[in-house]
């Protein structure tokens, strides 16, 4: 899960913390209990960091009061042939605010768990939001937020709850065939 450098930093931090705690706490049993609690707490925090939701993941980019989603570009991909890159089957840009809201509502229910192995999996759709954020008076900043998605994965996250997050996208794709 972590790379080697992160692991070395954590171990070095625990050794340093143990040294400082041993100066302050002379009773070895209490020191061991405190260290065990810190290690279990660290393990718990790292485990909890694997979980998020779509709303939490894109809270700063999409779900703020001063951000407007101007358009959504949906790209449908064909599976790769012979271990190559997947090909674009078709693309469409949606500017209808109600449809954009429906797509955001579909994704807003998604709960996620980090899965580094999912980066290599085929994801049928690419979804890219064009957002415009009001930074200050008469100053707006536009940016793209995007990810690849299929029934079970969103980017490098596994979808862990039962949702119908592709409902609106599939409906649009069926209408435009």
Protein backbone atom coordinates (compact mmCIF):
# COMPACT_ATOMS: atom_id res chain seq x y z
CA UNK A 1 0.00 0.00 0.00
CA UNK A 2 2.70 2.47 0.92
CA UNK A 3 5.89 2.87 -0.97
CA UNK A 4 9.22 2.14 0.73
CA UNK A 5 10.03 5.80 1.45
CA UNK A 6 6.73 6.31 3.30
CA UNK A 7 7.32 3.16 5.33
CA UNK A 8 10.82 4.30 6.30
CA UNK A 9 9.48 7.70 7.38
CA UNK A 10 6.78 6.10 9.52
CA UNK A 11 9.26 3.73 11.20
CA UNK A 12 11.72 6.58 11.81
CA UNK A 13 8.92 8.68 13.29
CA UNK A 14 7.86 5.87 15.62
CA UNK A 15 11.47 5.36 16.79
CA UNK A 16 11.84 9.09 17.44
CA UNK A 17 8.51 9.20 19.25
CA UNK A 18 9.53 6.20 21.38
CA UNK A 19 12.76 7.96 22.31
CA UNK A 20 10.97 11.15 23.40
CA UNK A 21 8.26 9.23 25.26
CA UNK A 22 10.91 7.16 27.07
CA UNK A 23 12.41 10.39 28.38
CA UNK A 24 9.03 11.54 29.71
CA UNK A 25 7.60 8.17 30.84
CA UNK A 26 9.90 6.19 33.11
CA UNK A 27 7.56 3.26 33.73
CA UNK A 28 8.25 0.75 30.94
CA UNK A 29 4.79 -0.88 31.10
CA UNK A 30 3.04 2.44 30.63
CA UNK A 31 5.46 3.30 27.81
CA UNK A 32 4.62 0.03 26.04
CA UNK A 33 0.87 0.64 26.41
CA UNK A 34 1.20 4.19 25.05
CA UNK A 35 3.31 2.96 22.11
CA UNK A 36 0.84 0.16 21.34
CA UNK A 37 -2.06 2.64 21.37
CA UNK A 38 -0.17 4.97 19.03
CA UNK A 39 0.66 2.15 16.62
CA UNK A 40 -2.92 0.85 16.58
CA UNK A 41 -4.18 4.40 16.13
CA UNK A 42 -1.82 4.89 13.18
CA UNK A 43 -2.96 1.62 11.61
CA UNK A 44 -6.61 2.65 12.05
CA UNK A 45 -6.01 6.07 10.47
CA UNK A 46 -4.17 4.56 7.48
CA UNK A 47 -6.99 2.02 7.01
CA UNK A 48 -9.66 4.73 7.17
CA UNK A 49 -7.78 6.85 4.61
CA UNK A 50 -8.56 4.20 1.99
CA UNK A 51 -12.28 5.03 2.14
CA UNK A 52 -13.99 8.09 0.72
CA UNK A 53 -17.02 9.07 -1.31
CA UNK A 54 -17.43 10.74 -4.67
CA UNK A 55 -18.65 13.91 -2.96
CA UNK A 56 -15.69 13.99 -0.60
CA UNK A 57 -13.23 13.23 -3.39
CA UNK A 58 -14.49 16.12 -5.53
CA UNK A 59 -15.71 18.43 -2.75
CA UNK A 60 -13.26 21.23 -3.58
CA UNK A 61 -13.48 20.91 -7.36
CA UNK A 62 -17.20 20.39 -7.99
CA UNK A 63 -19.32 20.56 -4.84
CA UNK A 64 -18.75 24.11 -3.61
CA UNK A 65 -21.18 27.02 -3.59
CA UNK A 66 -19.06 29.12 -5.95
CA UNK A 67 -18.52 26.34 -8.55
CA UNK A 68 -20.74 25.73 -11.56
CA UNK A 69 -20.46 22.70 -13.80
CA UNK A 70 -20.72 24.18 -17.31
CA UNK A 71 -20.66 20.95 -19.27
CA UNK A 72 -19.99 17.22 -19.07
CA UNK A 73 -18.11 15.35 -21.76
CA UNK A 74 -18.79 11.63 -21.87
CA UNK A 75 -16.48 9.36 -23.82
CA UNK A 76 -17.36 5.73 -24.43
CA UNK A 77 -14.41 3.43 -25.02
CA UNK A 78 -14.05 0.07 -26.75
CA UNK A 79 -11.95 -2.56 -25.00
CA UNK A 80 -8.32 -2.63 -26.11
CA UNK A 81 -7.22 -5.13 -28.72
CA UNK A 82 -4.03 -7.08 -28.07
CA UNK A 83 -3.00 -5.23 -24.87
CA UNK A 84 -3.06 -1.84 -26.64
CA UNK A 85 -4.81 1.35 -25.68
CA UNK A 86 -8.58 1.38 -25.59
CA UNK A 87 -10.19 3.13 -28.53
CA UNK A 88 -12.79 5.87 -28.40
CA UNK A 89 -16.14 4.56 -29.55
CA UNK A 90 -18.00 7.87 -29.32
CA UNK A 91 -18.07 11.17 -27.44
CA UNK A 92 -20.73 13.63 -26.52
CA UNK A 93 -20.84 16.94 -24.69
CA UNK A 94 -23.79 17.76 -22.45
CA UNK A 95 -24.63 21.35 -21.57
CA UNK A 96 -28.20 20.85 -20.32
CA UNK A 97 -28.12 21.82 -16.63
CA UNK A 98 -30.81 19.31 -15.64
CA UNK A 99 -28.93 16.40 -17.23
CA UNK A 100 -25.69 17.58 -15.60
CA UNK A 101 -27.47 17.71 -12.25
CA UNK A 102 -28.82 14.18 -12.82
CA UNK A 103 -25.32 12.87 -13.56
CA UNK A 104 -23.94 14.55 -10.43
CA UNK A 105 -26.80 13.13 -8.35
CA UNK A 106 -26.08 9.64 -9.69
CA UNK A 107 -22.43 9.89 -8.67
CA UNK A 108 -23.03 11.66 -5.37
CA UNK A 109 -24.26 8.42 -3.76
CA UNK A 110 -21.07 6.48 -4.59
CA UNK A 111 -18.88 5.23 -1.72
CA UNK A 112 -15.28 4.39 -2.63
CA UNK A 113 -12.30 2.36 -1.43
CA UNK A 114 -8.78 2.95 -2.79
CA UNK A 115 -7.61 0.12 -5.05
CA UNK A 116 -4.27 0.70 -6.78
CA UNK A 117 -4.70 -2.42 -8.91
CA UNK A 118 -7.79 -0.94 -10.55
CA UNK A 119 -5.73 1.50 -12.63
CA UNK A 120 -5.13 -1.20 -15.25
CA UNK A 121 -8.76 -2.34 -15.47
CA UNK A 122 -10.88 -1.38 -18.49
CA UNK A 123 -13.35 1.37 -17.70
CA UNK A 124 -16.03 1.85 -20.32
CA UNK A 125 -16.69 5.56 -19.83
CA UNK A 126 -14.64 8.68 -19.42
CA UNK A 127 -16.44 11.52 -17.67
CA UNK A 128 -15.02 15.03 -17.71
CA UNK A 129 -16.64 18.01 -16.01
CA UNK A 130 -15.88 21.56 -17.12
CA UNK A 131 -16.18 23.62 -13.94
CA UNK A 132 -16.09 27.36 -13.47
CA UNK A 133 -15.30 28.69 -10.01
CA UNK A 134 -15.80 32.27 -8.92
CA UNK A 135 -12.53 33.19 -7.24
CA UNK A 136 -13.30 36.84 -6.56
CA UNK A 137 -15.40 39.61 -8.06
CA UNK A 138 -15.19 39.53 -11.88
CA UNK A 139 -12.61 36.72 -11.77
CA UNK A 140 -13.55 33.15 -12.68
CA UNK A 141 -11.36 30.08 -13.04
CA UNK A 142 -12.30 27.21 -15.35
CA UNK A 143 -10.88 23.72 -15.06
CA UNK A 144 -11.58 20.12 -16.04
CA UNK A 145 -12.20 17.32 -13.54
CA UNK A 146 -12.35 13.87 -15.00
CA UNK A 147 -12.15 10.16 -14.39
CA UNK A 148 -12.74 6.81 -16.06
CA UNK A 149 -15.61 4.74 -14.72
CA UNK A 150 -17.39 1.43 -15.14
CA UNK A 151 -19.94 -0.51 -13.11
CA UNK A 152 -17.49 -1.37 -10.31
CA UNK A 153 -14.68 1.21 -10.43
CA UNK A 154 -14.24 4.96 -10.55
CA UNK A 155 -10.67 5.95 -11.36
CA UNK A 156 -8.39 4.14 -8.93
CA UNK A 157 -11.24 3.46 -6.50
CA UNK A 158 -13.52 0.47 -6.13
CA UNK A 159 -17.20 1.31 -5.73
CA UNK A 160 -18.22 -0.42 -2.49
CA UNK A 161 -21.92 0.33 -2.28
CA UNK A 162 -24.87 -0.57 -4.48
CA UNK A 163 -25.65 2.43 -6.66
CA UNK A 164 -26.98 3.10 -10.10
CA UNK A 165 -24.29 5.69 -10.84
CA UNK A 166 -24.32 5.05 -14.61
CA UNK A 167 -28.11 5.40 -14.94
CA UNK A 168 -28.16 8.81 -16.63
CA UNK A 169 -25.07 8.14 -18.74
CA UNK A 170 -26.45 4.83 -20.04
CA UNK A 171 -29.79 6.49 -20.75
CA UNK A 172 -28.11 9.24 -22.78
CA UNK A 173 -25.99 6.74 -24.68
CA UNK A 174 -29.03 4.61 -25.55
CA UNK A 175 -30.91 7.66 -26.87
CA UNK A 176 -28.02 8.69 -29.12
CA UNK A 177 -27.29 5.32 -30.76
